[in-house]
């Protein structure tokens, strides 16, 4: 179906359902950032396939909101029927304000409650009520009604995450979770986030590309647990791992079976039910309709998953060394990254590789494609943002998830490029060296990564860091380092794994980003101060530096970092017999004189 025909078909359905607008968010029923193809409704109707954005279609207008990471991409992908709303810009109205302006009083706006987060639903309803515009939860998603070749729900196998990688058995996690539920004065918890479910039950899947999760819901009370997933997908041993303490029911039965399960235990109505703060409106609505009180907050599962146990941390450190070996081969030979990583206990990518040169680098989340891709050369800046999912391997080494960005030049960078690169690196070092007290959140420290850029009138339109899962989603909460208010909601704690990734992007010219995965650590025994310890171990190109802009402290950090890279990655290169890569690594990590 052609793009114009899609809009026309959707507008015909608006009339049938007596609504004047329909909202199409990016998310699936679990509010996932990355989604299965069958839930890519916003991409199907608009043509914009970035991971964040929201579309609204009325009888005569079509608008798409997205953040600064995707403005250039959306400008290229949207046709003339669409208006791009650059979220965060002073002159760009919010969706609530825009709808209030274009929808007459007394009319209705339709949403799919299954893919609309409850807080978003409430905020939108409050804003529209003031204008006497009704918000209508529809029983069917209007996109599904016209998407004739919509992909099927994934049915990929579900496998065990072995104890030597998980570090904690399912029974212990459930016992811990029940204690957390009691402490929160709740009766039970409904777990809807896919990575939370995978972590809690020590299972992994392949339902979403690069994210080893599977579609499921879970309910945990004080004495029982239910996992709503199709058990025909289980690998051998999964049933035994779940044991009799976990009852497995079909995924599609969640909404029909949930009220009956809850009503069978009258005590569950005495206290609120714990839900994720971004739970779908459909889940909240079915509970509140049945008379249950809800508590939407950062869940204990999300918080405990974010703080890695010693086994998970060991796996993250080990897989980053193997990742550095792969990258050494890649940057030395410019060979295909996929073929290189295949040799190193590699399971899959953790996201689509961002491989961009020149102007493509200024598109923050650029994805190479036959139309826009360009040839590598030695005249322009090259940015590569890559990540992998690594599995258990030799000597029972545990698995993990990687995410790294390096920016390089294969020829001679310009003075402007070197200045921008060095200021980005100064921000990276400022955070890497930062000492901060317990209770500090990511919004408080975000400016340290931007200060050097601000001095030159520069900045970047994305957050500075996100959590990273343990062989799970490459983007993990609840903590983050960002200017956005959400980053103030959860403190940084020892054992969390986050990224530090400041950048700078000159439209139509180049992009620069330097990203490491780091662990939040206590700096010394008896010292309550926290800081960061690098997990990513790969050279930062010295050719791109304007050394005169670096202080002695910054230069010392860079030299010490490169010494660590050489000491940790070098032996693995030797073990694998990669003598050329070892020589390359040694050259790239030579100390820089003051």
Protein backbone atom coordinates (compact mmCIF):
# COMPACT_ATOMS: atom_id res chain seq x y z
CA UNK A 1 0.00 0.00 0.00
CA UNK A 2 1.43 3.38 -1.00
CA UNK A 3 2.02 6.00 1.74
CA UNK A 4 -0.82 8.23 0.54
CA UNK A 5 -3.19 5.27 0.45
CA UNK A 6 -2.26 4.37 4.03
CA UNK A 7 -3.21 7.82 5.27
CA UNK A 8 -6.43 7.77 3.25
CA UNK A 9 -7.41 4.36 4.67
CA UNK A 10 -6.68 5.49 8.22
CA UNK A 11 -8.73 8.65 7.75
CA UNK A 12 -11.67 6.56 6.56
CA UNK A 13 -11.45 4.59 9.80
CA UNK A 14 -11.46 7.80 11.83
CA UNK A 15 -14.91 8.53 10.46
CA UNK A 16 -16.13 5.00 11.17
CA UNK A 17 -15.01 5.20 14.79
CA UNK A 18 -16.27 8.76 15.28
CA UNK A 19 -12.87 10.17 16.27
CA UNK A 20 -11.19 13.21 14.77
CA UNK A 21 -7.62 12.05 15.39
CA UNK A 22 -5.68 8.88 16.13
CA UNK A 23 -2.39 8.75 18.04
CA UNK A 24 0.28 6.25 16.97
CA UNK A 25 3.14 5.91 19.49
CA UNK A 26 6.38 3.99 18.98
CA UNK A 27 5.94 1.46 21.75
CA UNK A 28 4.54 -2.07 22.00
CA UNK A 29 2.20 -3.23 24.83
CA UNK A 30 5.22 -3.45 27.16
CA UNK A 31 6.48 0.08 26.50
CA UNK A 32 9.65 -1.30 24.92
CA UNK A 33 12.11 1.09 23.29
CA UNK A 34 12.97 -1.47 20.62
CA UNK A 35 10.03 -3.48 19.32
CA UNK A 36 9.14 -6.48 17.18
CA UNK A 37 8.26 -5.76 13.56
CA UNK A 38 4.57 -6.42 14.17
CA UNK A 39 4.40 -3.38 16.47
CA UNK A 40 6.20 -0.94 14.14
CA UNK A 41 2.92 0.84 13.44
CA UNK A 42 4.30 4.38 13.57
CA UNK A 43 7.04 3.48 11.07
CA UNK A 44 4.48 1.82 8.77
CA UNK A 45 2.12 4.79 8.65
CA UNK A 46 4.74 7.58 8.54
CA UNK A 47 7.84 6.11 6.87
CA UNK A 48 10.04 7.29 9.78
CA UNK A 49 11.74 4.28 11.39
CA UNK A 50 13.75 5.85 14.21
CA UNK A 51 13.31 4.25 17.63
CA UNK A 52 11.59 7.27 19.23
CA UNK A 53 8.67 9.33 18.00
CA UNK A 54 4.92 9.71 18.00
CA UNK A 55 2.57 10.29 15.09
CA UNK A 56 -0.88 11.88 15.10
CA UNK A 57 -3.23 11.74 12.12
CA UNK A 58 -6.37 13.86 11.74
CA UNK A 59 -8.79 14.22 8.84
CA UNK A 60 -6.50 16.76 7.16
CA UNK A 61 -3.17 16.75 9.01
CA UNK A 62 -0.37 14.31 9.84
CA UNK A 63 2.32 15.27 12.34
CA UNK A 64 5.27 13.46 13.89
CA UNK A 65 7.11 14.38 17.10
CA UNK A 66 10.66 13.18 17.73
CA UNK A 67 13.71 14.36 19.66
CA UNK A 68 16.99 15.85 18.49
CA UNK A 69 18.64 12.50 17.80
CA UNK A 70 16.29 11.97 14.86
CA UNK A 71 15.50 15.38 13.36
CA UNK A 72 17.72 14.89 10.32
CA UNK A 73 16.59 11.30 9.79
CA UNK A 74 12.92 12.22 10.07
CA UNK A 75 13.39 15.14 7.66
CA UNK A 76 14.76 12.68 5.11
CA UNK A 77 12.14 9.97 5.63
CA UNK A 78 8.88 11.91 5.98
CA UNK A 79 7.14 12.93 2.76
CA UNK A 80 5.26 16.16 2.09
CA UNK A 81 2.08 14.86 3.75
CA UNK A 82 3.77 14.98 7.16
CA UNK A 83 4.84 17.84 9.42
CA UNK A 84 7.93 17.23 11.55
CA UNK A 85 7.58 18.46 15.12
CA UNK A 86 11.05 18.92 16.63
CA UNK A 87 10.38 18.11 20.27
CA UNK A 88 12.03 20.45 22.73
CA UNK A 89 12.30 23.41 20.37
CA UNK A 90 10.73 26.61 21.79
CA UNK A 91 8.34 27.14 18.89
CA UNK A 92 7.16 23.52 18.67
CA UNK A 93 3.85 22.78 20.45
CA UNK A 94 3.43 19.65 22.56
CA UNK A 95 1.04 17.05 21.21
CA UNK A 96 -1.52 18.11 23.85
CA UNK A 97 -1.35 21.74 22.79
CA UNK A 98 -1.39 20.86 19.10
CA UNK A 99 -4.46 18.65 19.46
CA UNK A 100 -6.20 21.36 21.45
CA UNK A 101 -5.54 23.74 18.57
CA UNK A 102 -6.62 21.52 15.64
CA UNK A 103 -9.49 19.47 17.16
CA UNK A 104 -12.76 21.34 17.78
CA UNK A 105 -14.42 21.26 21.19
CA UNK A 106 -16.85 18.36 21.58
CA UNK A 107 -14.97 16.00 19.28
CA UNK A 108 -12.85 12.96 20.17
CA UNK A 109 -9.26 11.70 19.93
CA UNK A 110 -8.67 7.94 19.70
CA UNK A 111 -5.83 5.94 21.27
CA UNK A 112 -4.92 2.29 21.67
CA UNK A 113 -4.73 1.85 25.48
CA UNK A 114 -2.56 -1.27 25.11
CA UNK A 115 0.38 0.73 23.71
CA UNK A 116 -0.23 3.99 25.57
CA UNK A 117 1.59 4.44 28.87
CA UNK A 118 -0.83 5.22 31.69
CA UNK A 119 0.89 8.51 32.71
CA UNK A 120 0.76 9.67 29.08
CA UNK A 121 -2.92 8.75 28.88
CA UNK A 122 -3.69 10.66 32.09
CA UNK A 123 -1.74 13.76 31.05
CA UNK A 124 -3.37 13.81 27.63
CA UNK A 125 -6.85 13.30 29.07
CA UNK A 126 -6.36 16.13 31.56
CA UNK A 127 -5.23 18.52 28.82
CA UNK A 128 -8.02 17.58 26.42
CA UNK A 129 -10.72 17.71 29.09
CA UNK A 130 -9.92 21.40 29.57
CA UNK A 131 -10.82 21.94 25.91
CA UNK A 132 -13.88 19.66 26.12
CA UNK A 133 -12.26 17.14 23.79
CA UNK A 134 -12.86 13.49 24.64
CA UNK A 135 -10.02 10.93 24.77
CA UNK A 136 -11.39 7.58 23.61
CA UNK A 137 -9.62 4.25 24.26
CA UNK A 138 -10.37 2.11 21.21
CA UNK A 139 -10.82 -1.65 21.37
CA UNK A 140 -8.76 -2.19 18.20
CA UNK A 141 -5.69 -0.49 16.87
CA UNK A 142 -6.73 1.30 13.68
CA UNK A 143 -3.36 0.67 12.04
CA UNK A 144 -3.84 -3.09 12.39
CA UNK A 145 -7.14 -2.84 10.54
CA UNK A 146 -5.43 -1.48 7.40
CA UNK A 147 -1.97 -3.10 7.64
CA UNK A 148 -2.73 -6.07 5.44
CA UNK A 149 0.69 -7.72 5.51
CA UNK A 150 1.45 -7.01 9.15
CA UNK A 151 4.07 -9.46 10.52
CA UNK A 152 3.00 -12.09 13.02
CA UNK A 153 3.75 -11.95 16.76
CA UNK A 154 7.25 -13.45 17.26
CA UNK A 155 7.42 -17.09 18.35
CA UNK A 156 11.17 -17.47 18.83
CA UNK A 157 12.57 -20.08 21.26
CA UNK A 158 13.02 -19.14 24.93
CA UNK A 159 16.24 -20.35 26.54
CA UNK A 160 17.75 -20.55 30.00
CA UNK A 161 20.18 -17.89 31.20
CA UNK A 162 22.52 -20.26 33.10
CA UNK A 163 23.35 -19.61 36.73
CA UNK A 164 27.03 -19.06 35.91
CA UNK A 165 25.89 -16.03 33.88
CA UNK A 166 22.90 -14.90 35.99
CA UNK A 167 24.67 -15.17 39.34
CA UNK A 168 21.45 -15.67 41.30
CA UNK A 169 18.77 -18.41 41.05
CA UNK A 170 15.14 -17.65 40.25
CA UNK A 171 13.98 -18.73 43.71
CA UNK A 172 16.28 -16.20 45.39
CA UNK A 173 15.13 -13.41 43.09
CA UNK A 174 11.47 -14.16 43.83
CA UNK A 175 12.10 -14.26 47.56
CA UNK A 176 13.89 -10.93 47.35
CA UNK A 177 11.10 -9.45 45.24
CA UNK A 178 8.44 -10.51 47.75
CA UNK A 179 10.37 -8.78 50.52
CA UNK A 180 10.49 -5.64 48.37
CA UNK A 181 6.73 -5.84 47.78
CA UNK A 182 6.11 -6.03 51.53
CA UNK A 183 8.43 -3.08 52.14
CA UNK A 184 6.47 -1.06 49.57
CA UNK A 185 3.16 -1.90 51.34
CA UNK A 186 1.83 -3.59 48.22
CA UNK A 187 -0.03 -6.88 47.82
CA UNK A 188 1.66 -8.14 44.65
CA UNK A 189 3.39 -6.98 41.50
CA UNK A 190 2.53 -7.24 37.81
CA UNK A 191 5.71 -7.16 35.74
CA UNK A 192 5.22 -5.86 32.21
CA UNK A 193 8.69 -4.76 31.02
CA UNK A 194 10.22 -7.53 28.92
CA UNK A 195 13.79 -7.17 30.20
CA UNK A 196 12.52 -7.22 33.79
CA UNK A 197 10.73 -10.50 33.12
CA UNK A 198 13.74 -12.05 31.39
CA UNK A 199 16.01 -11.03 34.29
CA UNK A 200 13.62 -12.18 37.03
CA UNK A 201 13.14 -15.70 35.62
CA UNK A 202 16.70 -16.13 34.23
CA UNK A 203 15.40 -16.63 30.71
CA UNK A 204 16.30 -15.08 27.37
CA UNK A 205 14.67 -14.99 23.94
CA UNK A 206 14.95 -13.44 20.49
CA UNK A 207 11.57 -11.78 19.93
CA UNK A 208 13.11 -8.33 19.40
CA UNK A 209 16.12 -7.91 17.16
CA UNK A 210 19.34 -7.46 19.17
CA UNK A 211 17.43 -7.57 22.50
CA UNK A 212 17.41 -11.08 24.03
CA UNK A 213 13.89 -10.81 25.44
CA UNK A 214 10.53 -12.47 24.79
CA UNK A 215 6.92 -11.27 24.93
CA UNK A 216 5.40 -12.11 28.30
CA UNK A 217 3.66 -10.75 31.39
CA UNK A 218 4.25 -11.87 34.97
CA UNK A 219 2.28 -11.70 38.22
CA UNK A 220 4.00 -12.34 41.55
CA UNK A 221 2.09 -12.59 44.84
CA UNK A 222 3.43 -13.53 48.27
CA UNK A 223 3.08 -17.25 47.62
CA UNK A 224 2.70 -17.78 43.89
CA UNK A 225 3.95 -16.55 40.52
CA UNK A 226 2.41 -16.66 37.06
CA UNK A 227 4.29 -16.25 33.78
CA UNK A 228 2.10 -15.48 30.78
CA UNK A 229 4.03 -16.85 27.81
CA UNK A 230 3.53 -19.58 25.22
CA UNK A 231 5.32 -22.57 26.73
CA UNK A 232 5.58 -24.29 23.35
CA UNK A 233 8.55 -21.98 22.80
CA UNK A 234 10.53 -23.28 25.79
CA UNK A 235 13.91 -24.89 25.24
CA UNK A 236 14.54 -28.10 27.21
CA UNK A 237 15.02 -27.40 30.90
CA UNK A 238 13.03 -24.16 31.09
CA UNK A 239 10.04 -25.80 32.77
CA UNK A 240 12.29 -27.42 35.37
CA UNK A 241 14.00 -24.10 36.11
CA UNK A 242 10.68 -22.37 36.71
CA UNK A 243 9.59 -25.23 39.04
CA UNK A 244 6.15 -25.64 40.59
CA UNK A 245 6.35 -22.15 42.10
CA UNK A 246 5.68 -20.58 38.68
CA UNK A 247 2.49 -21.35 36.76
CA UNK A 248 2.75 -20.81 33.00
CA UNK A 249 -0.29 -19.53 31.11
CA UNK A 250 -0.67 -18.43 27.46
CA UNK A 251 0.47 -14.89 26.64
CA UNK A 252 -2.81 -14.03 24.94
CA UNK A 253 -4.78 -15.00 28.07
CA UNK A 254 -3.25 -12.30 30.30
CA UNK A 255 -6.11 -9.79 30.20
CA UNK A 256 -8.86 -12.42 30.34
CA UNK A 257 -7.30 -14.48 33.16
CA UNK A 258 -5.88 -11.70 35.34
CA UNK A 259 -9.12 -10.60 37.09
CA UNK A 260 -10.01 -14.20 38.00
CA UNK A 261 -6.57 -14.93 39.45
CA UNK A 262 -6.66 -11.77 41.55
CA UNK A 263 -10.25 -12.24 42.71
CA UNK A 264 -9.40 -15.73 43.98
CA UNK A 265 -7.42 -14.09 46.80
CA UNK A 266 -9.57 -11.39 48.49
CA UNK A 267 -6.58 -10.21 50.53
CA UNK A 268 -5.04 -8.73 47.39
CA UNK A 269 -7.57 -5.88 47.54
CA UNK A 270 -6.26 -4.75 50.94
CA UNK A 271 -3.12 -3.16 49.49
CA UNK A 272 -2.14 -1.59 46.14
CA UNK A 273 -0.78 -3.64 43.25
CA UNK A 274 2.75 -2.59 42.23
CA UNK A 275 3.12 -1.64 38.54
CA UNK A 276 5.88 -0.09 36.48
CA UNK A 277 5.55 3.68 36.19
CA UNK A 278 5.26 3.35 32.39
CA UNK A 279 2.78 0.48 32.47
CA UNK A 280 0.16 0.58 29.72
CA UNK A 281 -3.20 2.22 30.39
CA UNK A 282 -4.89 -1.04 29.43
CA UNK A 283 -3.34 -2.86 32.43
CA UNK A 284 -4.17 -0.06 34.87
CA UNK A 285 -7.70 0.23 33.53
CA UNK A 286 -8.54 -3.48 33.94
CA UNK A 287 -7.30 -3.37 37.54
CA UNK A 288 -9.06 -0.18 38.55
CA UNK A 289 -12.27 -1.31 36.86
CA UNK A 290 -12.12 -4.46 39.03
CA UNK A 291 -11.71 -2.34 42.16
CA UNK A 292 -7.96 -2.66 42.74
CA UNK A 293 -5.72 0.19 43.83
CA UNK A 294 -2.45 0.58 41.91
CA UNK A 295 0.99 1.94 42.76
CA UNK A 296 2.94 3.05 39.68
CA UNK A 297 6.62 3.59 40.41
CA UNK A 298 10.11 2.34 39.61
CA UNK A 299 9.68 -1.35 40.38
CA UNK A 300 11.97 -3.38 42.65
CA UNK A 301 12.78 -5.60 39.66
CA UNK A 302 14.01 -2.65 37.61
CA UNK A 303 16.11 -1.30 40.47
CA UNK A 304 17.70 -4.65 41.38
CA UNK A 305 18.37 -5.53 37.74
CA UNK A 306 20.25 -2.25 37.34
CA UNK A 307 22.70 -3.11 40.15
CA UNK A 308 24.73 -6.00 38.74
CA UNK A 309 25.83 -8.83 41.01
CA UNK A 310 29.52 -9.92 41.01
CA UNK A 311 28.92 -12.65 38.41
CA UNK A 312 27.17 -10.23 36.05
CA UNK A 313 29.91 -7.63 36.49
CA UNK A 314 32.58 -10.25 35.74
CA UNK A 315 30.72 -11.13 32.56
CA UNK A 316 30.47 -7.50 31.50
CA UNK A 317 34.19 -6.98 32.00
CA UNK A 318 35.13 -10.17 30.15
CA UNK A 319 32.92 -9.54 27.13
CA UNK A 320 34.24 -5.99 26.75
CA UNK A 321 37.76 -7.36 26.41
CA UNK A 322 36.57 -9.71 23.67
CA UNK A 323 34.71 -6.80 22.09
CA UNK A 324 37.93 -4.78 22.08
CA UNK A 325 39.66 -7.64 20.24
CA UNK A 326 36.95 -7.54 17.60
CA UNK A 327 37.20 -3.78 17.26
CA UNK A 328 40.98 -3.96 16.99
CA UNK A 329 40.59 -6.22 13.99
CA UNK A 330 37.88 -3.99 12.54
CA UNK A 331 39.68 -0.71 12.83
CA UNK A 332 42.95 -2.24 11.68
CA UNK A 333 41.55 -3.90 8.60
CA UNK A 334 38.22 -2.06 8.02
CA UNK A 335 36.73 -5.48 7.57
CA UNK A 336 33.06 -6.19 8.17
CA UNK A 337 32.24 -5.93 11.86
CA UNK A 338 29.67 -8.72 11.74
CA UNK A 339 32.16 -11.24 10.36
CA UNK A 340 34.80 -10.27 12.91
CA UNK A 341 32.58 -10.52 15.95
CA UNK A 342 31.24 -13.89 14.85
CA UNK A 343 34.53 -15.47 15.96
CA UNK A 344 34.50 -14.19 19.53
CA UNK A 345 31.70 -15.91 21.53
CA UNK A 346 29.32 -13.58 19.77
CA UNK A 347 25.55 -14.05 19.92
CA UNK A 348 24.21 -11.03 18.03
CA UNK A 349 24.47 -7.28 17.71
CA UNK A 350 22.93 -5.34 20.59
CA UNK A 351 21.56 -2.70 18.17
CA UNK A 352 21.93 -1.69 14.52
CA UNK A 353 25.52 -0.55 14.02
CA UNK A 354 25.84 3.18 13.38
CA UNK A 355 28.59 3.39 10.75
CA UNK A 356 28.81 6.87 9.26
CA UNK A 357 31.29 9.09 7.50
CA UNK A 358 31.15 12.82 6.88
CA UNK A 359 27.66 14.31 6.79
CA UNK A 360 26.03 11.00 7.71
CA UNK A 361 27.80 11.25 11.07
CA UNK A 362 25.78 14.34 11.92
CA UNK A 363 22.66 12.14 11.96
CA UNK A 364 22.93 10.97 15.56
CA UNK A 365 21.32 7.55 15.04
CA UNK A 366 22.21 7.07 11.38
CA UNK A 367 21.65 3.60 9.92
CA UNK A 368 23.47 2.77 6.66
CA UNK A 369 21.20 2.02 3.73
CA UNK A 370 21.70 1.78 -0.06
CA UNK A 371 20.24 5.24 -0.67
CA UNK A 372 22.24 7.31 1.82
CA UNK A 373 25.39 5.27 2.46
CA UNK A 374 28.76 6.68 1.45
CA UNK A 375 32.26 5.36 0.74
CA UNK A 376 34.98 5.41 3.36
CA UNK A 377 37.82 7.78 2.55
CA UNK A 378 40.68 9.56 4.27
CA UNK A 379 39.21 13.03 3.89
CA UNK A 380 36.36 12.96 6.43
CA UNK A 381 35.56 11.97 10.01
CA UNK A 382 34.28 8.42 10.54
CA UNK A 383 31.98 7.52 13.47
CA UNK A 384 31.23 3.94 14.50
CA UNK A 385 28.77 3.12 17.30
CA UNK A 386 28.54 -0.65 17.75
CA UNK A 387 27.53 -3.20 20.33
CA UNK A 388 27.27 -6.93 20.78
CA UNK A 389 25.55 -9.58 22.84
CA UNK A 390 28.14 -12.10 24.06
CA UNK A 391 27.46 -15.58 25.36
CA UNK A 392 29.20 -17.85 27.86
CA UNK A 393 32.35 -19.31 26.39
CA UNK A 394 35.62 -20.96 27.26
CA UNK A 395 36.46 -21.48 30.93
CA UNK A 396 32.83 -20.70 31.87
CA UNK A 397 33.31 -17.01 31.14
CA UNK A 398 30.04 -15.19 31.57
CA UNK A 399 28.20 -13.11 29.03
CA UNK A 400 27.21 -9.49 28.72
CA UNK A 401 26.21 -6.60 26.49
CA UNK A 402 28.52 -4.02 24.92
CA UNK A 403 28.03 -0.52 23.51
CA UNK A 404 30.95 1.59 22.29
CA UNK A 405 31.43 4.59 20.03
CA UNK A 406 34.72 5.73 18.56
CA UNK A 407 35.33 8.59 16.14
CA UNK A 408 38.42 8.47 13.92
CA UNK A 409 40.02 10.01 10.85
CA UNK A 410 41.99 7.95 8.35
CA UNK A 411 43.80 10.99 6.96
CA UNK A 412 44.47 14.43 8.43
CA UNK A 413 41.64 16.01 10.46
CA UNK A 414 40.98 19.73 10.19
CA UNK A 415 41.59 22.11 13.06
CA UNK A 416 37.81 22.41 13.56
CA UNK A 417 37.40 18.64 13.73
CA UNK A 418 40.24 18.30 16.23
CA UNK A 419 38.85 21.11 18.37
CA UNK A 420 35.39 19.52 18.46
CA UNK A 421 36.78 16.05 19.16
CA UNK A 422 38.98 17.33 21.99
CA UNK A 423 36.13 19.22 23.65
CA UNK A 424 33.98 16.08 23.47
CA UNK A 425 36.82 14.10 25.04
CA UNK A 426 37.25 16.72 27.78
CA UNK A 427 33.59 16.20 28.68
CA UNK A 428 34.04 12.44 28.65
CA UNK A 429 37.06 12.70 30.96
CA UNK A 430 35.26 15.17 33.26
CA UNK A 431 32.57 12.58 33.99
CA UNK A 432 35.00 9.66 34.07
CA UNK A 433 37.07 11.45 36.72
CA UNK A 434 34.11 12.77 38.69
CA UNK A 435 33.81 12.07 42.43
CA UNK A 436 30.25 12.45 43.73
CA UNK A 437 28.30 11.66 46.93
CA UNK A 438 25.77 8.83 47.33
CA UNK A 439 22.29 9.83 46.23
CA UNK A 440 23.53 11.82 43.24
CA UNK A 441 21.40 11.42 40.12
CA UNK A 442 22.29 11.60 36.44
CA UNK A 443 20.69 14.98 35.86
CA UNK A 444 22.96 16.56 38.44
CA UNK A 445 26.17 15.37 36.77
CA UNK A 446 25.13 15.72 33.11
CA UNK A 447 26.47 19.32 32.81
CA UNK A 448 30.02 18.15 33.59
CA UNK A 449 30.06 16.38 30.20
CA UNK A 450 28.86 19.52 28.37
CA UNK A 451 30.85 22.28 30.07
CA UNK A 452 33.81 22.23 27.65
CA UNK A 453 31.45 22.32 24.68
CA UNK A 454 29.40 25.12 26.22
CA UNK A 455 32.56 27.20 26.53
CA UNK A 456 32.75 27.16 22.71
CA UNK A 457 29.01 27.66 22.14
CA UNK A 458 28.51 23.98 21.29
CA UNK A 459 26.25 21.21 22.65
CA UNK A 460 24.55 17.93 21.72
CA UNK A 461 20.83 17.09 21.58
CA UNK A 462 20.88 13.75 23.39
CA UNK A 463 21.49 12.38 26.86
CA UNK A 464 24.97 11.65 28.11
CA UNK A 465 24.47 8.11 29.36
CA UNK A 466 22.09 5.18 29.79
CA UNK A 467 22.10 1.93 31.71
CA UNK A 468 23.25 -1.28 30.00
CA UNK A 469 21.75 -4.72 30.67
CA UNK A 470 23.59 -7.94 31.45
CA UNK A 471 23.00 -9.87 28.22
CA UNK A 472 19.77 -7.89 28.02
CA UNK A 473 18.65 -4.58 26.55
CA UNK A 474 21.45 -2.21 25.58
CA UNK A 475 19.33 0.64 26.98
CA UNK A 476 18.30 -0.04 30.56
CA UNK A 477 16.80 2.06 33.35
CA UNK A 478 15.89 3.37 35.76
CA UNK A 479 19.05 5.50 36.01
CA UNK A 480 20.36 7.67 33.20
CA UNK A 481 22.68 10.63 32.73
CA UNK A 482 20.78 13.36 30.93
CA UNK A 483 19.44 16.91 31.00
CA UNK A 484 15.91 15.51 30.93
CA UNK A 485 13.85 15.58 34.16
CA UNK A 486 13.51 11.78 34.16
CA UNK A 487 17.23 11.51 34.93
CA UNK A 488 16.62 12.97 38.39
CA UNK A 489 14.24 10.20 39.44
CA UNK A 490 16.78 7.53 40.43
CA UNK A 491 20.25 7.87 41.97
CA UNK A 492 23.46 6.31 40.75
CA UNK A 493 24.50 3.32 42.88
CA UNK A 494 27.54 1.02 43.04
CA UNK A 495 27.14 -1.96 40.72
CA UNK A 496 25.16 -0.09 38.09
CA UNK A 497 26.55 -0.16 34.56
CA UNK A 498 26.03 2.98 32.46
CA UNK A 499 27.51 4.70 29.43
CA UNK A 500 29.34 8.02 29.17
CA UNK A 501 28.84 9.32 25.63
CA UNK A 502 29.06 13.07 24.97
CA UNK A 503 29.12 14.19 21.36
CA UNK A 504 28.98 17.01 18.86
CA UNK A 505 27.25 17.07 15.47
CA UNK A 506 27.72 19.68 12.78
CA UNK A 507 24.81 19.36 10.35
CA UNK A 508 25.91 18.32 6.89
CA UNK A 509 29.55 18.00 7.87
CA UNK A 510 30.51 15.49 10.59
CA UNK A 511 29.56 13.85 13.86
CA UNK A 512 31.73 13.08 16.90
CA UNK A 513 30.90 10.83 19.84
CA UNK A 514 33.14 9.06 22.38
CA UNK A 515 31.34 6.36 24.35
CA UNK A 516 32.52 4.00 27.07
CA UNK A 517 30.54 1.64 29.25
CA UNK A 518 31.49 2.24 32.89
CA UNK A 519 30.67 0.76 36.28
CA UNK A 520 29.49 2.91 39.19
CA UNK A 521 31.93 2.15 42.03
CA UNK A 522 32.79 3.15 45.58
CA UNK A 523 36.13 4.90 45.24
CA UNK A 524 37.86 3.58 48.36
CA UNK A 525 37.16 1.64 51.56
CA UNK A 526 35.85 4.02 54.19
CA UNK A 527 35.17 6.70 51.56
CA UNK A 528 31.50 7.12 50.77
CA UNK A 529 32.24 8.93 47.51
CA UNK A 530 31.27 7.27 44.24
CA UNK A 531 32.84 7.40 40.80
CA UNK A 532 33.16 5.50 37.55
CA UNK A 533 35.45 2.67 36.47
CA UNK A 534 35.76 1.96 32.72
CA UNK A 535 34.55 -1.39 31.39
CA UNK A 536 35.02 -0.50 27.71
CA UNK A 537 38.69 -0.94 26.81
CA UNK A 538 39.58 0.44 23.39
CA UNK A 539 41.91 3.22 22.18
CA UNK A 540 40.74 6.80 21.69
CA UNK A 541 42.39 8.06 18.51
CA UNK A 542 45.26 10.40 19.33
CA UNK A 543 45.37 11.84 15.82
CA UNK A 544 42.04 13.58 16.45
CA UNK A 545 43.35 15.45 19.50
CA UNK A 546 44.32 19.07 19.86
CA UNK A 547 46.63 18.33 22.79
CA UNK A 548 46.97 22.03 23.64
CA UNK A 549 43.35 22.01 24.81
CA UNK A 550 43.96 19.23 27.35
CA UNK A 551 44.97 19.95 30.92
CA UNK A 552 47.67 17.90 32.64
CA UNK A 553 44.97 16.02 34.56
CA UNK A 554 43.08 15.18 31.38
CA UNK A 555 46.24 14.01 29.61
CA UNK A 556 47.11 11.86 32.61
CA UNK A 557 43.66 10.24 32.48
CA UNK A 558 44.03 9.44 28.79
CA UNK A 559 47.49 7.92 29.23
CA UNK A 560 46.36 5.85 32.21
CA UNK A 561 43.32 4.67 30.29
CA UNK A 562 45.46 3.58 27.33
CA UNK A 563 47.85 1.79 29.68
CA UNK A 564 44.87 -0.18 31.05
CA UNK A 565 43.66 -0.96 27.52
CA UNK A 566 47.05 -2.33 26.56
CA UNK A 567 47.40 -4.36 29.77
CA UNK A 568 43.91 -5.91 29.60
CA UNK A 569 43.31 -6.39 25.87
CA UNK A 570 46.87 -7.22 24.82
CA UNK A 571 46.97 -10.66 26.50
CA UNK A 572 43.68 -11.64 24.85
CA UNK A 573 45.04 -10.65 21.44
CA UNK A 574 48.13 -12.75 22.14
CA UNK A 575 46.00 -15.69 23.27
CA UNK A 576 44.10 -15.54 19.99
CA UNK A 577 47.31 -15.25 17.97
CA UNK A 578 46.39 -11.82 16.58
CA UNK A 579 49.91 -10.41 16.38
CA UNK A 580 49.10 -7.72 13.80
CA UNK A 581 46.23 -6.43 15.92
CA UNK A 582 48.47 -6.48 19.01
CA UNK A 583 51.07 -4.35 17.22
CA UNK A 584 48.30 -1.96 16.11
CA UNK A 585 46.94 -1.73 19.67
CA UNK A 586 50.37 -0.96 21.05
CA UNK A 587 50.83 1.85 18.55
CA UNK A 588 47.40 3.32 19.34
CA UNK A 589 48.04 3.31 23.09
CA UNK A 590 51.47 4.91 23.15
CA UNK A 591 51.56 7.60 25.87
CA UNK A 592 51.28 11.22 24.80
CA UNK A 593 53.95 13.57 26.10
CA UNK A 594 52.79 16.64 27.97
